[in-house]
Amino acid sequence: MDLDRSPELFALIKSMMRMDPAKRIDVQTVCAHPVISRARAAMERTYEECKREGKSVFAASPLAGVPSTFLESILCRSVTTIHECDAMDLSP
Protein backbone atom coordinates (compact mmCIF):
# COMPACT_ATOMS: atom_id res chain seq x y z
CA MET A 1 0.00 0.00 0.00
CA ASP A 2 1.30 3.41 -0.94
CA LEU A 3 0.83 5.54 2.19
CA ASP A 4 2.11 8.61 0.34
CA ARG A 5 -1.26 8.60 -1.42
CA SER A 6 -3.14 8.08 1.86
CA PRO A 7 -2.13 10.85 4.29
CA GLU A 8 -5.17 10.28 6.54
CA LEU A 9 -4.39 6.56 6.89
CA PHE A 10 -0.69 7.30 7.42
CA ALA A 11 -1.56 9.80 10.17
CA LEU A 12 -3.82 7.25 11.86
CA ILE A 13 -1.16 4.54 11.80
CA LYS A 14 1.48 6.99 13.01
CA SER A 15 -0.74 8.06 15.93
CA MET A 16 -1.24 4.41 16.93
CA MET A 17 2.52 3.77 16.98
CA ARG A 18 3.72 6.61 19.20
CA MET A 19 6.40 5.46 21.62
CA ASP A 20 4.97 7.42 24.55
CA PRO A 21 1.72 5.70 25.64
CA ALA A 22 0.36 9.02 26.91
CA LYS A 23 0.57 10.40 23.36
CA ARG A 24 -0.69 7.24 21.64
CA ILE A 25 -4.23 7.29 20.28
CA ASP A 26 -6.68 5.15 22.29
CA VAL A 27 -8.79 2.33 20.89
CA GLN A 28 -12.05 4.31 21.15
CA THR A 29 -10.57 7.06 18.99
CA VAL A 30 -9.26 4.51 16.49
CA CYS A 31 -12.69 2.89 16.23
CA ALA A 32 -14.35 6.29 15.76
CA HIS A 33 -11.89 7.39 13.04
CA PRO A 34 -13.72 7.98 9.72
CA VAL A 35 -11.50 5.56 7.77
CA ILE A 36 -12.06 2.76 10.30
CA SER A 37 -15.78 3.54 10.55
CA ARG A 38 -16.19 3.34 6.77
CA ALA A 39 -14.21 0.08 6.62
CA ARG A 40 -16.38 -1.42 9.36
CA ALA A 41 -19.56 -0.25 7.60
CA ALA A 42 -18.38 -1.79 4.32
CA MET A 43 -17.71 -5.10 6.06
CA GLU A 44 -21.12 -5.00 7.74
CA ARG A 45 -22.83 -4.33 4.39
CA THR A 46 -20.93 -7.25 2.85
CA TYR A 47 -21.93 -9.48 5.76
CA GLU A 48 -25.63 -8.61 5.42
CA GLU A 49 -25.49 -9.05 1.64
CA CYS A 50 -23.89 -12.49 1.98
CA LYS A 51 -26.48 -13.58 4.53
CA ARG A 52 -29.31 -12.30 2.34
CA GLU A 53 -27.96 -14.11 -0.73
CA GLY A 54 -27.06 -17.30 1.13
CA LYS A 55 -23.34 -16.89 0.44
CA SER A 56 -20.46 -17.53 2.82
CA VAL A 57 -20.10 -14.67 5.28
CA PHE A 58 -16.31 -15.14 5.16
CA ALA A 59 -16.33 -12.44 2.47
CA ALA A 60 -17.02 -9.92 5.28
CA SER A 61 -14.03 -11.08 7.31
CA PRO A 62 -10.87 -8.97 7.57
CA LEU A 63 -9.09 -12.10 6.34
CA ALA A 64 -11.06 -12.22 3.10
CA GLY A 65 -9.95 -10.54 -0.08
CA VAL A 66 -11.35 -7.12 -0.84
CA PRO A 67 -12.18 -5.49 -4.16
CA SER A 68 -9.38 -3.48 -5.73
CA THR A 69 -11.36 -0.30 -5.04
CA PHE A 70 -11.81 -0.95 -1.30
CA LEU A 71 -9.05 1.37 -0.10
CA GLU A 72 -10.10 4.17 -2.44
CA SER A 73 -13.65 3.79 -1.19
CA ILE A 74 -12.86 4.04 2.53
CA LEU A 75 -10.44 6.90 1.87
CA CYS A 76 -13.20 8.74 -0.04
CA ARG A 77 -11.45 8.66 -3.37
CA SER A 78 -14.31 6.97 -5.18
CA VAL A 79 -16.92 9.04 -6.98
CA THR A 80 -19.63 6.59 -5.90
CA THR A 81 -18.89 6.98 -2.19
CA ILE A 82 -18.03 10.66 -1.99
CA HIS A 83 -21.42 11.48 -0.40
CA GLU A 84 -20.42 9.31 2.58
CA CYS A 85 -17.28 11.39 3.06
CA ASP A 86 -18.65 14.92 3.01
CA ALA A 87 -17.98 15.41 6.74
CA MET A 88 -14.58 13.73 6.73
CA ASP A 89 -11.93 15.56 8.74
CA LEU A 90 -8.56 15.32 6.99
CA SER A 91 -6.65 17.34 9.54
CA PRO A 92 -3.56 15.69 11.09
PDB file of N, CA and C in Angstrom:
ATOM      1  N   MET A   1       0.837  -1.165   0.000  1.00  0.00           N
ATOM      2  CA  MET A   1       0.000   0.000   0.000  1.00  0.00           C
ATOM      3  C   MET A   1       0.890   1.239   0.000  1.00  0.00           C
ATOM      4  N   ASP A   2       0.544   2.169  -0.811  1.00  0.00           N
ATOM      5  CA  ASP A   2       1.300   3.411  -0.935  1.00  0.00           C
ATOM      6  C   ASP A   2       0.719   4.446   0.028  1.00  0.00           C
ATOM      7  N   LEU A   3       1.346   4.594   1.192  1.00  0.00           N
ATOM      8  CA  LEU A   3       0.835   5.539   2.195  1.00  0.00           C
ATOM      9  C   LEU A   3       1.071   6.989   1.816  1.00  0.00           C
ATOM     10  N   ASP A   4       1.932   7.240   0.822  1.00  0.00           N
ATOM     11  CA  ASP A   4       2.110   8.608   0.340  1.00  0.00           C
ATOM     12  C   ASP A   4       0.817   9.137  -0.269  1.00  0.00           C
ATOM     13  N   ARG A   5       0.017   8.229  -0.806  1.00  0.00           N
ATOM     14  CA  ARG A   5      -1.258   8.605  -1.419  1.00  0.00           C
ATOM     15  C   ARG A   5      -2.401   8.583  -0.402  1.00  0.00           C
ATOM     16  N   SER A   6      -2.109   8.210   0.837  1.00  0.00           N
ATOM     17  CA  SER A   6      -3.135   8.083   1.862  1.00  0.00           C
ATOM     18  C   SER A   6      -2.713   8.804   3.140  1.00  0.00           C
ATOM     19  N   PRO A   7      -2.613  10.135   3.108  1.00  0.00           N
ATOM     20  CA  PRO A   7      -2.128  10.854   4.290  1.00  0.00           C
ATOM     21  C   PRO A   7      -2.990  10.631   5.535  1.00  0.00           C
ATOM     22  N   GLU A   8      -4.311  10.498   5.382  1.00  0.00           N
ATOM     23  CA  GLU A   8      -5.169  10.280   6.536  1.00  0.00           C
ATOM     24  C   GLU A   8      -4.928   8.908   7.166  1.00  0.00           C
ATOM     25  N   LEU A   9      -4.690   7.887   6.359  1.00  0.00           N
ATOM     26  CA  LEU A   9      -4.393   6.564   6.885  1.00  0.00           C
ATOM     27  C   LEU A   9      -2.999   6.545   7.511  1.00  0.00           C
ATOM     28  N   PHE A  10      -2.041   7.202   6.872  1.00  0.00           N
ATOM     29  CA  PHE A  10      -0.691   7.296   7.423  1.00  0.00           C
ATOM     30  C   PHE A  10      -0.721   7.986   8.787  1.00  0.00           C
ATOM     31  N   ALA A  11      -1.474   9.074   8.899  1.00  0.00           N
ATOM     32  CA  ALA A  11      -1.563   9.802  10.166  1.00  0.00           C
ATOM     33  C   ALA A  11      -2.188   8.931  11.256  1.00  0.00           C
ATOM     34  N   LEU A  12      -3.187   8.142  10.898  1.00  0.00           N
ATOM     35  CA  LEU A  12      -3.820   7.247  11.862  1.00  0.00           C
ATOM     36  C   LEU A  12      -2.821   6.199  12.355  1.00  0.00           C
ATOM     37  N   ILE A  13      -2.136   5.561  11.430  1.00  0.00           N
ATOM     38  CA  ILE A  13      -1.158   4.537  11.801  1.00  0.00           C
ATOM     39  C   ILE A  13      -0.050   5.142  12.655  1.00  0.00           C
ATOM     40  N   LYS A  14       0.424   6.299  12.257  1.00  0.00           N
ATOM     41  CA  LYS A  14       1.477   6.988  13.013  1.00  0.00           C
ATOM     42  C   LYS A  14       1.013   7.288  14.446  1.00  0.00           C
ATOM     43  N   SER A  15      -0.231   7.733  14.599  1.00  0.00           N
ATOM     44  CA  SER A  15      -0.744   8.062  15.931  1.00  0.00           C
ATOM     45  C   SER A  15      -0.925   6.815  16.796  1.00  0.00           C
ATOM     46  N   MET A  16      -1.107   5.657  16.176  1.00  0.00           N
ATOM     47  CA  MET A  16      -1.240   4.411  16.928  1.00  0.00           C
ATOM     48  C   MET A  16       0.118   3.847  17.337  1.00  0.00           C
ATOM     49  N   MET A  17       1.197   4.326  16.721  1.00  0.00           N
ATOM     50  CA  MET A  17       2.524   3.772  16.975  1.00  0.00           C
ATOM     51  C   MET A  17       3.429   4.687  17.793  1.00  0.00           C
ATOM     52  N   ARG A  18       2.894   5.706  18.395  1.00  0.00           N
ATOM     53  CA  ARG A  18       3.717   6.610  19.199  1.00  0.00           C
ATOM     54  C   ARG A  18       4.380   5.837  20.337  1.00  0.00           C
ATOM     55  N   MET A  19       5.641   6.145  20.585  1.00  0.00           N
ATOM     56  CA  MET A  19       6.402   5.455  21.620  1.00  0.00           C
ATOM     57  C   MET A  19       5.863   5.770  23.023  1.00  0.00           C
ATOM     58  N   ASP A  20       5.476   6.999  23.241  1.00  0.00           N
ATOM     59  CA  ASP A  20       4.970   7.422  24.546  1.00  0.00           C
ATOM     60  C   ASP A  20       3.486   7.049  24.635  1.00  0.00           C
ATOM     61  N   PRO A  21       3.127   6.122  25.529  1.00  0.00           N
ATOM     62  CA  PRO A  21       1.719   5.700  25.640  1.00  0.00           C
ATOM     63  C   PRO A  21       0.758   6.855  25.917  1.00  0.00           C
ATOM     64  N   ALA A  22       1.226   7.882  26.609  1.00  0.00           N
ATOM     65  CA  ALA A  22       0.358   9.024  26.906  1.00  0.00           C
ATOM     66  C   ALA A  22      -0.012   9.803  25.650  1.00  0.00           C
ATOM     67  N   LYS A  23       0.820   9.700  24.614  1.00  0.00           N
ATOM     68  CA  LYS A  23       0.565  10.404  23.357  1.00  0.00           C
ATOM     69  C   LYS A  23      -0.075   9.500  22.306  1.00  0.00           C
ATOM     70  N   ARG A  24      -0.135   8.212  22.589  1.00  0.00           N
ATOM     71  CA  ARG A  24      -0.689   7.240  21.644  1.00  0.00           C
ATOM     72  C   ARG A  24      -2.211   7.342  21.615  1.00  0.00           C
ATOM     73  N   ILE A  25      -2.785   7.235  20.456  1.00  0.00           N
ATOM     74  CA  ILE A  25      -4.233   7.290  20.283  1.00  0.00           C
ATOM     75  C   ILE A  25      -4.874   6.073  20.966  1.00  0.00           C
ATOM     76  N   ASP A  26      -6.030   6.274  21.609  1.00  0.00           N
ATOM     77  CA  ASP A  26      -6.675   5.150  22.293  1.00  0.00           C
ATOM     78  C   ASP A  26      -7.606   4.396  21.345  1.00  0.00           C
ATOM     79  N   VAL A  27      -8.011   3.214  21.759  1.00  0.00           N
ATOM     80  CA  VAL A  27      -8.792   2.335  20.887  1.00  0.00           C
ATOM     81  C   VAL A  27     -10.154   2.943  20.536  1.00  0.00           C
ATOM     82  N   GLN A  28     -10.757   3.682  21.451  1.00  0.00           N
ATOM     83  CA  GLN A  28     -12.048   4.307  21.147  1.00  0.00           C
ATOM     84  C   GLN A  28     -11.901   5.328  20.028  1.00  0.00           C
ATOM     85  N   THR A  29     -10.816   6.080  20.043  1.00  0.00           N
ATOM     86  CA  THR A  29     -10.570   7.061  18.993  1.00  0.00           C
ATOM     87  C   THR A  29     -10.268   6.381  17.667  1.00  0.00           C
ATOM     88  N   VAL A  30      -9.523   5.280  17.717  1.00  0.00           N
ATOM     89  CA  VAL A  30      -9.256   4.512  16.494  1.00  0.00           C
ATOM     90  C   VAL A  30     -10.572   4.019  15.897  1.00  0.00           C
ATOM     91  N   CYS A  31     -11.413   3.422  16.724  1.00  0.00           N
ATOM     92  CA  CYS A  31     -12.694   2.888  16.230  1.00  0.00           C
ATOM     93  C   CYS A  31     -13.608   3.977  15.668  1.00  0.00           C
ATOM     94  N   ALA A  32     -13.503   5.188  16.217  1.00  0.00           N
ATOM     95  CA  ALA A  32     -14.348   6.295  15.760  1.00  0.00           C
ATOM     96  C   ALA A  32     -13.767   7.022  14.549  1.00  0.00           C
ATOM     97  N   HIS A  33     -12.529   6.709  14.176  1.00  0.00           N
ATOM     98  CA  HIS A  33     -11.889   7.386  13.041  1.00  0.00           C
ATOM     99  C   HIS A  33     -12.706   7.132  11.774  1.00  0.00           C
ATOM    100  N   PRO A  34     -12.903   8.138  10.932  1.00  0.00           N
ATOM    101  CA  PRO A  34     -13.723   7.983   9.722  1.00  0.00           C
ATOM    102  C   PRO A  34     -13.270   6.835   8.811  1.00  0.00           C
ATOM    103  N   VAL A  35     -11.981   6.642   8.641  1.00  0.00           N
ATOM    104  CA  VAL A  35     -11.499   5.560   7.773  1.00  0.00           C
ATOM    105  C   VAL A  35     -11.895   4.205   8.354  1.00  0.00           C
ATOM    106  N   ILE A  36     -11.717   4.028   9.647  1.00  0.00           N
ATOM    107  CA  ILE A  36     -12.060   2.763  10.297  1.00  0.00           C
ATOM    108  C   ILE A  36     -13.570   2.570  10.295  1.00  0.00           C
ATOM    109  N   SER A  37     -14.319   3.625  10.560  1.00  0.00           N
ATOM    110  CA  SER A  37     -15.781   3.543  10.546  1.00  0.00           C
ATOM    111  C   SER A  37     -16.308   3.125   9.180  1.00  0.00           C
ATOM    112  N   ARG A  38     -15.741   3.712   8.117  1.00  0.00           N
ATOM    113  CA  ARG A  38     -16.189   3.343   6.768  1.00  0.00           C
ATOM    114  C   ARG A  38     -15.802   1.906   6.428  1.00  0.00           C
ATOM    115  N   ALA A  39     -14.616   1.464   6.866  1.00  0.00           N
ATOM    116  CA  ALA A  39     -14.209   0.077   6.617  1.00  0.00           C
ATOM    117  C   ALA A  39     -15.147  -0.887   7.341  1.00  0.00           C
ATOM    118  N   ARG A  40     -15.466  -0.567   8.597  1.00  0.00           N
ATOM    119  CA  ARG A  40     -16.380  -1.418   9.361  1.00  0.00           C
ATOM    120  C   ARG A  40     -17.758  -1.451   8.701  1.00  0.00           C
ATOM    121  N   ALA A  41     -18.244  -0.305   8.260  1.00  0.00           N
ATOM    122  CA  ALA A  41     -19.559  -0.247   7.601  1.00  0.00           C
ATOM    123  C   ALA A  41     -19.561  -1.066   6.313  1.00  0.00           C
ATOM    124  N   ALA A  42     -18.480  -1.004   5.558  1.00  0.00           N
ATOM    125  CA  ALA A  42     -18.383  -1.788   4.318  1.00  0.00           C
ATOM    126  C   ALA A  42     -18.410  -3.283   4.623  1.00  0.00           C
ATOM    127  N   MET A  43     -17.715  -3.687   5.673  1.00  0.00           N
ATOM    128  CA  MET A  43     -17.707  -5.096   6.058  1.00  0.00           C
ATOM    129  C   MET A  43     -19.090  -5.530   6.536  1.00  0.00           C
ATOM    130  N   GLU A  44     -19.778  -4.669   7.279  1.00  0.00           N
ATOM    131  CA  GLU A  44     -21.124  -4.996   7.744  1.00  0.00           C
ATOM    132  C   GLU A  44     -22.099  -5.115   6.580  1.00  0.00           C
ATOM    133  N   ARG A  45     -21.967  -4.227   5.580  1.00  0.00           N
ATOM    134  CA  ARG A  45     -22.828  -4.329   4.388  1.00  0.00           C
ATOM    135  C   ARG A  45     -22.561  -5.636   3.653  1.00  0.00           C
ATOM    136  N   THR A  46     -21.290  -5.997   3.524  1.00  0.00           N
ATOM    137  CA  THR A  46     -20.929  -7.250   2.855  1.00  0.00           C
ATOM    138  C   THR A  46     -21.497  -8.441   3.612  1.00  0.00           C
ATOM    139  N   TYR A  47     -21.408  -8.411   4.925  1.00  0.00           N
ATOM    140  CA  TYR A  47     -21.931  -9.484   5.764  1.00  0.00           C
ATOM    141  C   TYR A  47     -23.437  -9.657   5.535  1.00  0.00           C
ATOM    142  N   GLU A  48     -24.173  -8.543   5.606  1.00  0.00           N
ATOM    143  CA  GLU A  48     -25.631  -8.606   5.417  1.00  0.00           C
ATOM    144  C   GLU A  48     -25.993  -9.087   4.012  1.00  0.00           C
ATOM    145  N   GLU A  49     -25.247  -8.626   3.017  1.00  0.00           N
ATOM    146  CA  GLU A  49     -25.494  -9.049   1.641  1.00  0.00           C
ATOM    147  C   GLU A  49     -25.256 -10.553   1.487  1.00  0.00           C
ATOM    148  N   CYS A  50     -24.193 -11.054   2.064  1.00  0.00           N
ATOM    149  CA  CYS A  50     -23.888 -12.487   1.983  1.00  0.00           C
ATOM    150  C   CYS A  50     -24.968 -13.312   2.662  1.00  0.00           C
ATOM    151  N   LYS A  51     -25.411 -12.863   3.835  1.00  0.00           N
ATOM    152  CA  LYS A  51     -26.485 -13.575   4.535  1.00  0.00           C
ATOM    153  C   LYS A  51     -27.756 -13.590   3.703  1.00  0.00           C
ATOM    154  N   ARG A  52     -28.090 -12.435   3.137  1.00  0.00           N
ATOM    155  CA  ARG A  52     -29.315 -12.303   2.341  1.00  0.00           C
ATOM    156  C   ARG A  52     -29.275 -13.201   1.113  1.00  0.00           C
ATOM    157  N   GLU A  53     -28.102 -13.329   0.494  1.00  0.00           N
ATOM    158  CA  GLU A  53     -27.957 -14.108  -0.735  1.00  0.00           C
ATOM    159  C   GLU A  53     -27.558 -15.563  -0.482  1.00  0.00           C
ATOM    160  N   GLY A  54     -27.414 -15.925   0.792  1.00  0.00           N
ATOM    161  CA  GLY A  54     -27.058 -17.300   1.126  1.00  0.00           C
ATOM    162  C   GLY A  54     -25.618 -17.657   0.795  1.00  0.00           C
ATOM    163  N   LYS A  55     -24.753 -16.662   0.719  1.00  0.00           N
ATOM    164  CA  LYS A  55     -23.342 -16.889   0.435  1.00  0.00           C
ATOM    165  C   LYS A  55     -22.564 -17.003   1.740  1.00  0.00           C
ATOM    166  N   SER A  56     -21.328 -17.444   1.651  1.00  0.00           N
ATOM    167  CA  SER A  56     -20.461 -17.535   2.816  1.00  0.00           C
ATOM    168  C   SER A  56     -20.192 -16.133   3.357  1.00  0.00           C
ATOM    169  N   VAL A  57     -20.340 -15.966   4.667  1.00  0.00           N
ATOM    170  CA  VAL A  57     -20.096 -14.667   5.283  1.00  0.00           C
ATOM    171  C   VAL A  57     -18.604 -14.402   5.459  1.00  0.00           C
ATOM    172  N   PHE A  58     -17.753 -15.345   5.086  1.00  0.00           N
ATOM    173  CA  PHE A  58     -16.313 -15.137   5.158  1.00  0.00           C
ATOM    174  C   PHE A  58     -15.897 -13.917   4.336  1.00  0.00           C
ATOM    175  N   ALA A  59     -16.648 -13.594   3.312  1.00  0.00           N
ATOM    176  CA  ALA A  59     -16.333 -12.437   2.471  1.00  0.00           C
ATOM    177  C   ALA A  59     -16.308 -11.141   3.281  1.00  0.00           C
ATOM    178  N   ALA A  60     -16.987 -11.112   4.427  1.00  0.00           N
ATOM    179  CA  ALA A  60     -17.017  -9.917   5.278  1.00  0.00           C
ATOM    180  C   ALA A  60     -15.908  -9.927   6.323  1.00  0.00           C
ATOM    181  N   SER A  61     -15.111 -10.958   6.331  1.00  0.00           N
ATOM    182  CA  SER A  61     -14.032 -11.077   7.308  1.00  0.00           C
ATOM    183  C   SER A  61     -12.838 -10.220   6.910  1.00  0.00           C
ATOM    184  N   PRO A  62     -12.100  -9.694   7.902  1.00  0.00           N
ATOM    185  CA  PRO A  62     -10.870  -8.968   7.574  1.00  0.00           C
ATOM    186  C   PRO A  62      -9.845  -9.860   6.872  1.00  0.00           C
ATOM    187  N   LEU A  63     -10.011 -11.166   6.979  1.00  0.00           N
ATOM    188  CA  LEU A  63      -9.092 -12.105   6.335  1.00  0.00           C
ATOM    189  C   LEU A  63      -9.445 -12.375   4.877  1.00  0.00           C
ATOM    190  N   ALA A  64     -10.623 -11.983   4.479  1.00  0.00           N
ATOM    191  CA  ALA A  64     -11.059 -12.216   3.098  1.00  0.00           C
ATOM    192  C   ALA A  64     -10.434 -11.183   2.165  1.00  0.00           C
ATOM    193  N   GLY A  65     -10.421 -11.506   0.912  1.00  0.00           N
ATOM    194  CA  GLY A  65      -9.953 -10.540  -0.077  1.00  0.00           C
ATOM    195  C   GLY A  65     -10.939  -9.396  -0.200  1.00  0.00           C
ATOM    196  N   VAL A  66     -10.474  -8.275  -0.648  1.00  0.00           N
ATOM    197  CA  VAL A  66     -11.345  -7.117  -0.845  1.00  0.00           C
ATOM    198  C   VAL A  66     -11.236  -6.677  -2.294  1.00  0.00           C
ATOM    199  N   PRO A  67     -12.257  -6.000  -2.794  1.00  0.00           N
ATOM    200  CA  PRO A  67     -12.183  -5.485  -4.162  1.00  0.00           C
ATOM    201  C   PRO A  67     -11.014  -4.509  -4.305  1.00  0.00           C
ATOM    202  N   SER A  68     -10.527  -4.366  -5.487  1.00  0.00           N
ATOM    203  CA  SER A  68      -9.382  -3.478  -5.727  1.00  0.00           C
ATOM    204  C   SER A  68      -9.702  -2.022  -5.394  1.00  0.00           C
ATOM    205  N   THR A  69     -10.954  -1.674  -5.325  1.00  0.00           N
ATOM    206  CA  THR A  69     -11.361  -0.298  -5.041  1.00  0.00           C
ATOM    207  C   THR A  69     -11.658  -0.055  -3.559  1.00  0.00           C
ATOM    208  N   PHE A  70     -11.449  -1.068  -2.708  1.00  0.00           N
ATOM    209  CA  PHE A  70     -11.809  -0.948  -1.298  1.00  0.00           C
ATOM    210  C   PHE A  70     -11.106   0.217  -0.617  1.00  0.00           C
ATOM    211  N   LEU A  71      -9.797   0.309  -0.760  1.00  0.00           N
ATOM    212  CA  LEU A  71      -9.050   1.371  -0.101  1.00  0.00           C
ATOM    213  C   LEU A  71      -9.486   2.749  -0.601  1.00  0.00           C
ATOM    214  N   GLU A  72      -9.653   2.889  -1.895  1.00  0.00           N
ATOM    215  CA  GLU A  72     -10.100   4.172  -2.441  1.00  0.00           C
ATOM    216  C   GLU A  72     -11.468   4.540  -1.888  1.00  0.00           C
ATOM    217  N   SER A  73     -12.308   3.546  -1.704  1.00  0.00           N
ATOM    218  CA  SER A  73     -13.645   3.787  -1.191  1.00  0.00           C
ATOM    219  C   SER A  73     -13.618   4.279   0.247  1.00  0.00           C
ATOM    220  N   ILE A  74     -12.863   3.608   1.132  1.00  0.00           N
ATOM    221  CA  ILE A  74     -12.860   4.038   2.528  1.00  0.00           C
ATOM    222  C   ILE A  74     -12.055   5.303   2.752  1.00  0.00           C
ATOM    223  N   LEU A  75     -11.186   5.640   1.786  1.00  0.00           N
ATOM    224  CA  LEU A  75     -10.439   6.897   1.869  1.00  0.00           C
ATOM    225  C   LEU A  75     -11.144   8.021   1.121  1.00  0.00           C
ATOM    226  N   CYS A  76     -12.366   7.746   0.647  1.00  0.00           N
ATOM    227  CA  CYS A  76     -13.196   8.739  -0.044  1.00  0.00           C
ATOM    228  C   CYS A  76     -12.576   9.212  -1.351  1.00  0.00           C
ATOM    229  N   ARG A  77     -12.030   8.306  -2.076  1.00  0.00           N
ATOM    230  CA  ARG A  77     -11.454   8.662  -3.374  1.00  0.00           C
ATOM    231  C   ARG A  77     -12.290   8.101  -4.519  1.00  0.00           C
ATOM    232  N   SER A  78     -13.433   7.542  -4.180  1.00  0.00           N
ATOM    233  CA  SER A  78     -14.309   6.968  -5.184  1.00  0.00           C
ATOM    234  C   SER A  78     -15.490   7.902  -5.410  1.00  0.00           C
ATOM    235  N   VAL A  79     -15.803   8.156  -6.642  1.00  0.00           N
ATOM    236  CA  VAL A  79     -16.924   9.044  -6.977  1.00  0.00           C
ATOM    237  C   VAL A  79     -18.231   8.497  -6.408  1.00  0.00           C
ATOM    238  N   THR A  80     -18.376   7.174  -6.372  1.00  0.00           N
ATOM    239  CA  THR A  80     -19.635   6.587  -5.901  1.00  0.00           C
ATOM    240  C   THR A  80     -19.818   6.674  -4.399  1.00  0.00           C
ATOM    241  N   THR A  81     -18.740   6.917  -3.637  1.00  0.00           N
ATOM    242  CA  THR A  81     -18.891   6.977  -2.186  1.00  0.00           C
ATOM    243  C   THR A  81     -18.606   8.359  -1.626  1.00  0.00           C
ATOM    244  N   ILE A  82     -18.416   9.339  -2.461  1.00  0.00           N
ATOM    245  CA  ILE A  82     -18.028  10.662  -1.989  1.00  0.00           C
ATOM    246  C   ILE A  82     -19.091  11.271  -1.069  1.00  0.00           C
ATOM    247  N   HIS A  83     -20.369  10.950  -1.271  1.00  0.00           N
ATOM    248  CA  HIS A  83     -21.418  11.484  -0.397  1.00  0.00           C
ATOM    249  C   HIS A  83     -21.257  11.001   1.035  1.00  0.00           C
ATOM    250  N   GLU A  84     -20.657   9.831   1.249  1.00  0.00           N
ATOM    251  CA  GLU A  84     -20.422   9.306   2.583  1.00  0.00           C
ATOM    252  C   GLU A  84     -19.272  10.027   3.266  1.00  0.00           C
ATOM    253  N   CYS A  85     -18.519  10.794   2.534  1.00  0.00           N
ATOM    254  CA  CYS A  85     -17.283  11.388   3.057  1.00  0.00           C
ATOM    255  C   CYS A  85     -17.371  12.894   3.192  1.00  0.00           C
ATOM    256  N   ASP A  86     -18.521  13.461   2.993  1.00  0.00           N
ATOM    257  CA  ASP A  86     -18.648  14.915   3.014  1.00  0.00           C
ATOM    258  C   ASP A  86     -18.154  15.530   4.309  1.00  0.00           C
ATOM    259  N   ALA A  87     -18.367  14.853   5.431  1.00  0.00           N
ATOM    260  CA  ALA A  87     -17.981  15.415   6.736  1.00  0.00           C
ATOM    261  C   ALA A  87     -16.619  14.920   7.203  1.00  0.00           C
ATOM    262  N   MET A  88     -15.861  14.298   6.337  1.00  0.00           N
ATOM    263  CA  MET A  88     -14.580  13.726   6.733  1.00  0.00           C
ATOM    264  C   MET A  88     -13.578  14.806   7.117  1.00  0.00           C
ATOM    265  N   ASP A  89     -12.955  14.629   8.257  1.00  0.00           N
ATOM    266  CA  ASP A  89     -11.933  15.555   8.741  1.00  0.00           C
ATOM    267  C   ASP A  89     -10.573  15.031   8.330  1.00  0.00           C
ATOM    268  N   LEU A  90      -9.875  15.747   7.474  1.00  0.00           N
ATOM    269  CA  LEU A  90      -8.560  15.317   6.985  1.00  0.00           C
ATOM    270  C   LEU A  90      -7.411  15.983   7.724  1.00  0.00           C
ATOM    271  N   SER A  91      -7.721  16.671   8.802  1.00  0.00           N
ATOM    272  CA  SER A  91      -6.652  17.344   9.536  1.00  0.00           C
ATOM    273  C   SER A  91      -5.778  16.326  10.252  1.00  0.00           C
ATOM    274  N   PRO A  92      -4.462  16.642  10.426  1.00  0.00           N
ATOM    275  CA  PRO A  92      -3.555  15.694  11.087  1.00  0.00           C
ATOM    276  C   PRO A  92      -3.850  15.505  12.552  1.00  0.00           C
TER     277      PRO A  92
END
